[in-house]
Amino acid sequence: MEILYPLQLLSPADNPLESDSVTVLVNRVVPSVEEQSFQSTLKKLFEEFDRFPVTSGSVVLRQGVDGDVEFSVLKRFTGKMDHDVWVNSPGFVC
């Protein structure tokens, strides 16, 4: 497994068990012929994500799966309302 996008380190005070933070995990399996296009879209998404003020960190993991490529995207928000604002923002891409 390869880390494509570094996790921003979070302080112990940001422990999800002790706060209202929201962590989202999204997995996508992409045919290897579409990987470059997917990574380009993913890069744009994370550029927007990093500019968004209510995010608390993110990481992208990549691994090969039966000739395809699986991406696991983990994003963290300061709270549910902040997550909802991100999902409804112009920078959000499914």
PDB file of N, CA and C in Angstrom:
ATOM      1  N   MET A   1       0.854  -1.166   0.000  1.00  0.00           N
ATOM      2  CA  MET A   1       0.000   0.000   0.000  1.00  0.00           C
ATOM      3  C   MET A   1       0.900   1.228   0.000  1.00  0.00           C
ATOM      4  N   GLU A   2       0.533   2.208  -0.769  1.00  0.00           N
ATOM      5  CA  GLU A   2       1.327   3.417  -0.933  1.00  0.00           C
ATOM      6  C   GLU A   2       0.513   4.619  -0.468  1.00  0.00           C
ATOM      7  N   ILE A   3       1.125   5.495   0.309  1.00  0.00           N
ATOM      8  CA  ILE A   3       0.458   6.730   0.728  1.00  0.00           C
ATOM      9  C   ILE A   3       0.706   7.778  -0.349  1.00  0.00           C
ATOM     10  N   LEU A   4      -0.379   8.274  -0.954  1.00  0.00           N
ATOM     11  CA  LEU A   4      -0.259   9.271  -2.007  1.00  0.00           C
ATOM     12  C   LEU A   4      -0.408  10.687  -1.488  1.00  0.00           C
ATOM     13  N   TYR A   5      -1.164  10.838  -0.473  1.00  0.00           N
ATOM     14  CA  TYR A   5      -1.433  12.169   0.055  1.00  0.00           C
ATOM     15  C   TYR A   5      -1.188  12.106   1.553  1.00  0.00           C
ATOM     16  N   PRO A   6      -0.295  12.917   2.090  1.00  0.00           N
ATOM     17  CA  PRO A   6       0.098  12.757   3.498  1.00  0.00           C
ATOM     18  C   PRO A   6      -0.992  13.182   4.469  1.00  0.00           C
ATOM     19  N   LEU A   7      -1.067  12.428   5.520  1.00  0.00           N
ATOM     20  CA  LEU A   7      -1.978  12.757   6.617  1.00  0.00           C
ATOM     21  C   LEU A   7      -1.429  13.935   7.377  1.00  0.00           C
ATOM     22  N   GLN A   8      -2.258  14.924   7.603  1.00  0.00           N
ATOM     23  CA  GLN A   8      -1.856  16.039   8.451  1.00  0.00           C
ATOM     24  C   GLN A   8      -1.932  15.532   9.889  1.00  0.00           C
ATOM     25  N   LEU A   9      -0.873  15.698  10.618  1.00  0.00           N
ATOM     26  CA  LEU A   9      -0.847  15.202  11.988  1.00  0.00           C
ATOM     27  C   LEU A   9      -1.812  15.993  12.852  1.00  0.00           C
ATOM     28  N   LEU A  10      -2.524  15.276  13.685  1.00  0.00           N
ATOM     29  CA  LEU A  10      -3.526  15.896  14.538  1.00  0.00           C
ATOM     30  C   LEU A  10      -3.052  15.827  15.982  1.00  0.00           C
ATOM     31  N   SER A  11      -3.364  16.845  16.742  1.00  0.00           N
ATOM     32  CA  SER A  11      -2.943  16.868  18.144  1.00  0.00           C
ATOM     33  C   SER A  11      -3.805  15.914  18.959  1.00  0.00           C
ATOM     34  N   PRO A  12      -3.321  15.465  20.119  1.00  0.00           N
ATOM     35  CA  PRO A  12      -4.118  14.573  20.964  1.00  0.00           C
ATOM     36  C   PRO A  12      -5.476  15.159  21.329  1.00  0.00           C
ATOM     37  N   ALA A  13      -5.580  16.480  21.380  1.00  0.00           N
ATOM     38  CA  ALA A  13      -6.875  17.111  21.692  1.00  0.00           C
ATOM     39  C   ALA A  13      -7.893  16.864  20.589  1.00  0.00           C
ATOM     40  N   ASP A  14      -7.402  16.493  19.389  1.00  0.00           N
ATOM     41  CA  ASP A  14      -8.290  16.220  18.260  1.00  0.00           C
ATOM     42  C   ASP A  14      -8.701  14.756  18.192  1.00  0.00           C
ATOM     43  N   ASN A  15      -8.495  14.010  19.255  1.00  0.00           N
ATOM     44  CA  ASN A  15      -8.852  12.598  19.290  1.00  0.00           C
ATOM     45  C   ASN A  15     -10.346  12.451  18.969  1.00  0.00           C
ATOM     46  N   PRO A  16     -10.694  11.670  17.908  1.00  0.00           N
ATOM     47  CA  PRO A  16     -12.101  11.557  17.521  1.00  0.00           C
ATOM     48  C   PRO A  16     -12.985  10.963  18.613  1.00  0.00           C
ATOM     49  N   LEU A  17     -12.388  10.224  19.561  1.00  0.00           N
ATOM     50  CA  LEU A  17     -13.192   9.649  20.636  1.00  0.00           C
ATOM     51  C   LEU A  17     -13.535  10.689  21.697  1.00  0.00           C
ATOM     52  N   GLU A  18     -12.833  11.822  21.668  1.00  0.00           N
ATOM     53  CA  GLU A  18     -13.042  12.853  22.673  1.00  0.00           C
ATOM     54  C   GLU A  18     -13.601  14.141  22.086  1.00  0.00           C
ATOM     55  N   SER A  19     -14.073  14.102  20.863  1.00  0.00           N
ATOM     56  CA  SER A  19     -14.564  15.324  20.242  1.00  0.00           C
ATOM     57  C   SER A  19     -15.748  15.004  19.339  1.00  0.00           C
ATOM     58  N   ASP A  20     -16.264  16.054  18.697  1.00  0.00           N
ATOM     59  CA  ASP A  20     -17.380  15.887  17.771  1.00  0.00           C
ATOM     60  C   ASP A  20     -16.894  15.769  16.333  1.00  0.00           C
ATOM     61  N   SER A  21     -15.605  15.487  16.131  1.00  0.00           N
ATOM     62  CA  SER A  21     -15.064  15.431  14.783  1.00  0.00           C
ATOM     63  C   SER A  21     -15.724  14.303  13.978  1.00  0.00           C
ATOM     64  N   VAL A  22     -15.658  14.454  12.658  1.00  0.00           N
ATOM     65  CA  VAL A  22     -16.231  13.480  11.735  1.00  0.00           C
ATOM     66  C   VAL A  22     -15.105  12.996  10.815  1.00  0.00           C
ATOM     67  N   THR A  23     -14.965  11.682  10.704  1.00  0.00           N
ATOM     68  CA  THR A  23     -13.982  11.090   9.803  1.00  0.00           C
ATOM     69  C   THR A  23     -14.733  10.318   8.730  1.00  0.00           C
ATOM     70  N   VAL A  24     -14.376  10.572   7.471  1.00  0.00           N
ATOM     71  CA  VAL A  24     -15.046   9.939   6.336  1.00  0.00           C
ATOM     72  C   VAL A  24     -14.026   9.087   5.589  1.00  0.00           C
ATOM     73  N   LEU A  25     -14.401   7.837   5.294  1.00  0.00           N
ATOM     74  CA  LEU A  25     -13.559   6.944   4.509  1.00  0.00           C
ATOM     75  C   LEU A  25     -14.308   6.571   3.239  1.00  0.00           C
ATOM     76  N   VAL A  26     -13.661   6.807   2.091  1.00  0.00           N
ATOM     77  CA  VAL A  26     -14.255   6.473   0.800  1.00  0.00           C
ATOM     78  C   VAL A  26     -13.271   5.572   0.064  1.00  0.00           C
ATOM     79  N   ASN A  27     -13.749   4.432  -0.432  1.00  0.00           N
ATOM     80  CA  ASN A  27     -12.923   3.520  -1.233  1.00  0.00           C
ATOM     81  C   ASN A  27     -13.421   3.532  -2.668  1.00  0.00           C
ATOM     82  N   ARG A  28     -12.478   3.594  -3.607  1.00  0.00           N
ATOM     83  CA  ARG A  28     -12.816   3.539  -5.031  1.00  0.00           C
ATOM     84  C   ARG A  28     -11.866   2.564  -5.713  1.00  0.00           C
ATOM     85  N   VAL A  29     -12.413   1.669  -6.514  1.00  0.00           N
ATOM     86  CA  VAL A  29     -11.606   0.796  -7.355  1.00  0.00           C
ATOM     87  C   VAL A  29     -11.684   1.352  -8.767  1.00  0.00           C
ATOM     88  N   VAL A  30     -10.508   1.620  -9.336  1.00  0.00           N
ATOM     89  CA  VAL A  30     -10.406   2.290 -10.626  1.00  0.00           C
ATOM     90  C   VAL A  30      -9.660   1.367 -11.583  1.00  0.00           C
ATOM     91  N   PRO A  31     -10.187   1.154 -12.797  1.00  0.00           N
ATOM     92  CA  PRO A  31      -9.416   0.382 -13.781  1.00  0.00           C
ATOM     93  C   PRO A  31      -8.061   1.062 -14.009  1.00  0.00           C
ATOM     94  N   SER A  32      -7.015   0.276 -14.138  1.00  0.00           N
ATOM     95  CA  SER A  32      -5.670   0.850 -14.252  1.00  0.00           C
ATOM     96  C   SER A  32      -5.538   1.825 -15.417  1.00  0.00           C
ATOM     97  N   VAL A  33      -6.308   1.630 -16.488  1.00  0.00           N
ATOM     98  CA  VAL A  33      -6.238   2.546 -17.638  1.00  0.00           C
ATOM     99  C   VAL A  33      -6.839   3.912 -17.317  1.00  0.00           C
ATOM    100  N   GLU A  34      -7.626   4.015 -16.255  1.00  0.00           N
ATOM    101  CA  GLU A  34      -8.244   5.278 -15.858  1.00  0.00           C
ATOM    102  C   GLU A  34      -7.563   5.916 -14.649  1.00  0.00           C
ATOM    103  N   GLU A  35      -6.466   5.313 -14.186  1.00  0.00           N
ATOM    104  CA  GLU A  35      -5.832   5.782 -12.957  1.00  0.00           C
ATOM    105  C   GLU A  35      -5.330   7.225 -13.068  1.00  0.00           C
ATOM    106  N   GLN A  36      -4.668   7.577 -14.142  1.00  0.00           N
ATOM    107  CA  GLN A  36      -4.133   8.943 -14.261  1.00  0.00           C
ATOM    108  C   GLN A  36      -5.244   9.984 -14.236  1.00  0.00           C
ATOM    109  N   SER A  37      -6.334   9.716 -14.932  1.00  0.00           N
ATOM    110  CA  SER A  37      -7.464  10.635 -14.935  1.00  0.00           C
ATOM    111  C   SER A  37      -8.054  10.761 -13.527  1.00  0.00           C
ATOM    112  N   PHE A  38      -8.195   9.629 -12.846  1.00  0.00           N
ATOM    113  CA  PHE A  38      -8.741   9.643 -11.488  1.00  0.00           C
ATOM    114  C   PHE A  38      -7.827  10.422 -10.553  1.00  0.00           C
ATOM    115  N   GLN A  39      -6.512  10.202 -10.659  1.00  0.00           N
ATOM    116  CA  GLN A  39      -5.580  10.915  -9.784  1.00  0.00           C
ATOM    117  C   GLN A  39      -5.598  12.420 -10.051  1.00  0.00           C
ATOM    118  N   SER A  40      -5.796  12.804 -11.298  1.00  0.00           N
ATOM    119  CA  SER A  40      -5.904  14.224 -11.627  1.00  0.00           C
ATOM    120  C   SER A  40      -7.127  14.843 -10.943  1.00  0.00           C
ATOM    121  N   THR A  41      -8.255  14.158 -11.009  1.00  0.00           N
ATOM    122  CA  THR A  41      -9.475  14.626 -10.347  1.00  0.00           C
ATOM    123  C   THR A  41      -9.279  14.665  -8.842  1.00  0.00           C
ATOM    124  N   LEU A  42      -8.641  13.631  -8.304  1.00  0.00           N
ATOM    125  CA  LEU A  42      -8.391  13.551  -6.870  1.00  0.00           C
ATOM    126  C   LEU A  42      -7.487  14.700  -6.409  1.00  0.00           C
ATOM    127  N   LYS A  43      -6.492  15.034  -7.197  1.00  0.00           N
ATOM    128  CA  LYS A  43      -5.588  16.141  -6.861  1.00  0.00           C
ATOM    129  C   LYS A  43      -6.361  17.455  -6.767  1.00  0.00           C
ATOM    130  N   LYS A  44      -7.248  17.709  -7.737  1.00  0.00           N
ATOM    131  CA  LYS A  44      -8.055  18.936  -7.707  1.00  0.00           C
ATOM    132  C   LYS A  44      -8.957  18.963  -6.475  1.00  0.00           C
ATOM    133  N   LEU A  45      -9.536  17.819  -6.156  1.00  0.00           N
ATOM    134  CA  LEU A  45     -10.405  17.725  -4.988  1.00  0.00           C
ATOM    135  C   LEU A  45      -9.637  18.073  -3.717  1.00  0.00           C
ATOM    136  N   PHE A  46      -8.430  17.538  -3.583  1.00  0.00           N
ATOM    137  CA  PHE A  46      -7.667  17.798  -2.368  1.00  0.00           C
ATOM    138  C   PHE A  46      -7.090  19.201  -2.324  1.00  0.00           C
ATOM    139  N   GLU A  47      -6.853  19.816  -3.460  1.00  0.00           N
ATOM    140  CA  GLU A  47      -6.459  21.228  -3.462  1.00  0.00           C
ATOM    141  C   GLU A  47      -7.579  22.077  -2.873  1.00  0.00           C
ATOM    142  N   GLU A  48      -8.814  21.777  -3.259  1.00  0.00           N
ATOM    143  CA  GLU A  48      -9.972  22.481  -2.690  1.00  0.00           C
ATOM    144  C   GLU A  48     -10.131  22.136  -1.212  1.00  0.00           C
ATOM    145  N   PHE A  49      -9.974  20.861  -0.890  1.00  0.00           N
ATOM    146  CA  PHE A  49     -10.137  20.396   0.488  1.00  0.00           C
ATOM    147  C   PHE A  49      -9.159  21.120   1.412  1.00  0.00           C
ATOM    148  N   ASP A  50      -7.912  21.276   0.967  1.00  0.00           N
ATOM    149  CA  ASP A  50      -6.899  21.938   1.791  1.00  0.00           C
ATOM    150  C   ASP A  50      -7.195  23.416   2.008  1.00  0.00           C
ATOM    151  N   ARG A  51      -7.915  24.034   1.081  1.00  0.00           N
ATOM    152  CA  ARG A  51      -8.277  25.447   1.237  1.00  0.00           C
ATOM    153  C   ARG A  51      -9.509  25.625   2.115  1.00  0.00           C
ATOM    154  N   PHE A  52     -10.231  24.554   2.342  1.00  0.00           N
ATOM    155  CA  PHE A  52     -11.469  24.618   3.096  1.00  0.00           C
ATOM    156  C   PHE A  52     -11.142  24.749   4.581  1.00  0.00           C
ATOM    157  N   PRO A  53     -11.690  25.748   5.278  1.00  0.00           N
ATOM    158  CA  PRO A  53     -11.258  26.067   6.640  1.00  0.00           C
ATOM    159  C   PRO A  53     -11.664  25.074   7.733  1.00  0.00           C
ATOM    160  N   VAL A  54     -12.584  24.182   7.474  1.00  0.00           N
ATOM    161  CA  VAL A  54     -13.100  23.331   8.551  1.00  0.00           C
ATOM    162  C   VAL A  54     -12.613  21.887   8.457  1.00  0.00           C
ATOM    163  N   THR A  55     -11.525  21.656   7.750  1.00  0.00           N
ATOM    164  CA  THR A  55     -10.985  20.304   7.642  1.00  0.00           C
ATOM    165  C   THR A  55      -9.880  20.102   8.669  1.00  0.00           C
ATOM    166  N   SER A  56      -9.691  18.851   9.075  1.00  0.00           N
ATOM    167  CA  SER A  56      -8.711  18.547  10.115  1.00  0.00           C
ATOM    168  C   SER A  56      -7.646  17.564   9.649  1.00  0.00           C
ATOM    169  N   GLY A  57      -7.607  17.214   8.384  1.00  0.00           N
ATOM    170  CA  GLY A  57      -6.581  16.299   7.890  1.00  0.00           C
ATOM    171  C   GLY A  57      -7.126  15.346   6.858  1.00  0.00           C
ATOM    172  N   SER A  58      -6.202  14.711   6.143  1.00  0.00           N
ATOM    173  CA  SER A  58      -6.611  13.786   5.095  1.00  0.00           C
ATOM    174  C   SER A  58      -5.446  12.889   4.700  1.00  0.00           C
ATOM    175  N   VAL A  59      -5.789  11.772   4.093  1.00  0.00           N
ATOM    176  CA  VAL A  59      -4.780  10.846   3.574  1.00  0.00           C
ATOM    177  C   VAL A  59      -5.407  10.065   2.416  1.00  0.00           C
ATOM    178  N   VAL A  60      -4.579   9.717   1.435  1.00  0.00           N
ATOM    179  CA  VAL A  60      -5.011   8.861   0.339  1.00  0.00           C
ATOM    180  C   VAL A  60      -4.051   7.678   0.280  1.00  0.00           C
ATOM    181  N   LEU A  61      -4.606   6.474   0.303  1.00  0.00           N
ATOM    182  CA  LEU A  61      -3.825   5.249   0.171  1.00  0.00           C
ATOM    183  C   LEU A  61      -4.135   4.610  -1.170  1.00  0.00           C
ATOM    184  N   ARG A  62      -3.124   4.006  -1.793  1.00  0.00           N
ATOM    185  CA  ARG A  62      -3.293   3.385  -3.104  1.00  0.00           C
ATOM    186  C   ARG A  62      -2.705   1.984  -3.059  1.00  0.00           C
ATOM    187  N   GLN A  63      -3.445   1.014  -3.638  1.00  0.00           N
ATOM    188  CA  GLN A  63      -2.914  -0.336  -3.764  1.00  0.00           C
ATOM    189  C   GLN A  63      -3.512  -1.019  -4.986  1.00  0.00           C
ATOM    190  N   GLY A  64      -2.753  -1.910  -5.579  1.00  0.00           N
ATOM    191  CA  GLY A  64      -3.231  -2.672  -6.725  1.00  0.00           C
ATOM    192  C   GLY A  64      -4.160  -3.788  -6.277  1.00  0.00           C
ATOM    193  N   VAL A  65      -5.227  -3.998  -7.055  1.00  0.00           N
ATOM    194  CA  VAL A  65      -6.201  -5.037  -6.746  1.00  0.00           C
ATOM    195  C   VAL A  65      -6.610  -5.714  -8.054  1.00  0.00           C
ATOM    196  N   ASP A  66      -6.154  -6.937  -8.303  1.00  0.00           N
ATOM    197  CA  ASP A  66      -6.545  -7.713  -9.486  1.00  0.00           C
ATOM    198  C   ASP A  66      -6.453  -6.908 -10.785  1.00  0.00           C
ATOM    199  N   GLY A  67      -5.356  -6.211 -11.011  1.00  0.00           N
ATOM    200  CA  GLY A  67      -5.169  -5.439 -12.232  1.00  0.00           C
ATOM    201  C   GLY A  67      -5.789  -4.047 -12.187  1.00  0.00           C
ATOM    202  N   ASP A  68      -6.598  -3.776 -11.182  1.00  0.00           N
ATOM    203  CA  ASP A  68      -7.170  -2.446 -10.991  1.00  0.00           C
ATOM    204  C   ASP A  68      -6.394  -1.756  -9.866  1.00  0.00           C
ATOM    205  N   VAL A  69      -6.800  -0.543  -9.548  1.00  0.00           N
ATOM    206  CA  VAL A  69      -6.157   0.202  -8.473  1.00  0.00           C
ATOM    207  C   VAL A  69      -7.237   0.633  -7.489  1.00  0.00           C
ATOM    208  N   GLU A  70      -6.995   0.357  -6.209  1.00  0.00           N
ATOM    209  CA  GLU A  70      -7.941   0.771  -5.175  1.00  0.00           C
ATOM    210  C   GLU A  70      -7.379   1.988  -4.438  1.00  0.00           C
ATOM    211  N   PHE A  71      -8.216   2.995  -4.302  1.00  0.00           N
ATOM    212  CA  PHE A  71      -7.871   4.194  -3.552  1.00  0.00           C
ATOM    213  C   PHE A  71      -8.742   4.237  -2.305  1.00  0.00           C
ATOM    214  N   SER A  72      -8.108   4.478  -1.171  1.00  0.00           N
ATOM    215  CA  SER A  72      -8.830   4.696   0.077  1.00  0.00           C
ATOM    216  C   SER A  72      -8.557   6.139   0.482  1.00  0.00           C
ATOM    217  N   VAL A  73      -9.617   6.917   0.577  1.00  0.00           N
ATOM    218  CA  VAL A  73      -9.510   8.339   0.875  1.00  0.00           C
ATOM    219  C   VAL A  73     -10.119   8.569   2.253  1.00  0.00           C
ATOM    220  N   LEU A  74      -9.308   9.112   3.146  1.00  0.00           N
ATOM    221  CA  LEU A  74      -9.741   9.394   4.502  1.00  0.00           C
ATOM    222  C   LEU A  74      -9.690  10.902   4.707  1.00  0.00           C
ATOM    223  N   LYS A  75     -10.817  11.491   5.123  1.00  0.00           N
ATOM    224  CA  LYS A  75     -10.892  12.936   5.364  1.00  0.00           C
ATOM    225  C   LYS A  75     -11.466  13.158   6.759  1.00  0.00           C
ATOM    226  N   ARG A  76     -10.992  14.210   7.383  1.00  0.00           N
ATOM    227  CA  ARG A  76     -11.454  14.501   8.732  1.00  0.00           C
ATOM    228  C   ARG A  76     -11.960  15.935   8.823  1.00  0.00           C
ATOM    229  N   PHE A  77     -13.057  16.097   9.525  1.00  0.00           N
ATOM    230  CA  PHE A  77     -13.702  17.400   9.692  1.00  0.00           C
ATOM    231  C   PHE A  77     -13.853  17.697  11.172  1.00  0.00           C
ATOM    232  N   THR A  78     -13.942  18.981  11.498  1.00  0.00           N
ATOM    233  CA  THR A  78     -14.066  19.384  12.892  1.00  0.00           C
ATOM    234  C   THR A  78     -15.430  19.030  13.489  1.00  0.00           C
ATOM    235  N   GLY A  79     -16.432  18.820  12.650  1.00  0.00           N
ATOM    236  CA  GLY A  79     -17.753  18.436  13.126  1.00  0.00           C
ATOM    237  C   GLY A  79     -18.682  18.098  11.968  1.00  0.00           C
ATOM    238  N   LYS A  80     -19.866  17.567  12.280  1.00  0.00           N
ATOM    239  CA  LYS A  80     -20.820  17.163  11.250  1.00  0.00           C
ATOM    240  C   LYS A  80     -21.265  18.349  10.391  1.00  0.00           C
ATOM    241  N   MET A  81     -21.509  19.485  11.026  1.00  0.00           N
ATOM    242  CA  MET A  81     -21.934  20.653  10.266  1.00  0.00           C
ATOM    243  C   MET A  81     -20.864  21.062   9.247  1.00  0.00           C
ATOM    244  N   ASP A  82     -19.590  20.979   9.662  1.00  0.00           N
ATOM    245  CA  ASP A  82     -18.500  21.321   8.756  1.00  0.00           C
ATOM    246  C   ASP A  82     -18.422  20.341   7.585  1.00  0.00           C
ATOM    247  N   HIS A  83     -18.649  19.072   7.861  1.00  0.00           N
ATOM    248  CA  HIS A  83     -18.690  18.072   6.790  1.00  0.00           C
ATOM    249  C   HIS A  83     -19.809  18.390   5.805  1.00  0.00           C
ATOM    250  N   ASP A  84     -20.976  18.718   6.324  1.00  0.00           N
ATOM    251  CA  ASP A  84     -22.120  19.027   5.470  1.00  0.00           C
ATOM    252  C   ASP A  84     -21.848  20.259   4.596  1.00  0.00           C
ATOM    253  N   VAL A  85     -21.186  21.265   5.170  1.00  0.00           N
ATOM    254  CA  VAL A  85     -20.838  22.461   4.399  1.00  0.00           C
ATOM    255  C   VAL A  85     -19.897  22.078   3.254  1.00  0.00           C
ATOM    256  N   TRP A  86     -18.911  21.220   3.535  1.00  0.00           N
ATOM    257  CA  TRP A  86     -17.961  20.769   2.490  1.00  0.00           C
ATOM    258  C   TRP A  86     -18.693  20.025   1.372  1.00  0.00           C
ATOM    259  N   VAL A  87     -19.567  19.084   1.735  1.00  0.00           N
ATOM    260  CA  VAL A  87     -20.284  18.279   0.737  1.00  0.00           C
ATOM    261  C   VAL A  87     -21.153  19.171  -0.162  1.00  0.00           C
ATOM    262  N   ASN A  88     -21.652  20.260   0.375  1.00  0.00           N
ATOM    263  CA  ASN A  88     -22.509  21.157  -0.403  1.00  0.00           C
ATOM    264  C   ASN A  88     -21.748  22.322  -1.033  1.00  0.00           C
ATOM    265  N   SER A  89     -20.422  22.316  -0.928  1.00  0.00           N
ATOM    266  CA  SER A  89     -19.624  23.409  -1.481  1.00  0.00           C
ATOM    267  C   SER A  89     -19.339  23.181  -2.964  1.00  0.00           C
ATOM    268  N   PRO A  90     -19.024  24.249  -3.708  1.00  0.00           N
ATOM    269  CA  PRO A  90     -18.698  24.122  -5.132  1.00  0.00           C
ATOM    270  C   PRO A  90     -17.433  23.299  -5.389  1.00  0.00           C
ATOM    271  N   GLY A  91     -16.523  23.204  -4.398  1.00  0.00           N
ATOM    272  CA  GLY A  91     -15.278  22.460  -4.588  1.00  0.00           C
ATOM    273  C   GLY A  91     -15.418  20.967  -4.429  1.00  0.00           C
ATOM    274  N   PHE A  92     -16.567  20.512  -3.906  1.00  0.00           N
ATOM    275  CA  PHE A  92     -16.772  19.079  -3.678  1.00  0.00           C
ATOM    276  C   PHE A  92     -17.091  18.371  -4.989  1.00  0.00           C
ATOM    277  N   VAL A  93     -16.386  17.274  -5.220  1.00  0.00           N
ATOM    278  CA  VAL A  93     -16.615  16.433  -6.413  1.00  0.00           C
ATOM    279  C   VAL A  93     -16.815  15.001  -5.925  1.00  0.00           C
ATOM    280  N   CYS A  94     -17.864  14.350  -6.385  1.00  0.00           N
ATOM    281  CA  CYS A  94     -18.081  12.942  -6.004  1.00  0.00           C
ATOM    282  C   CYS A  94     -17.149  12.031  -6.761  1.00  0.00           C
TER     283      CYS A  94
END
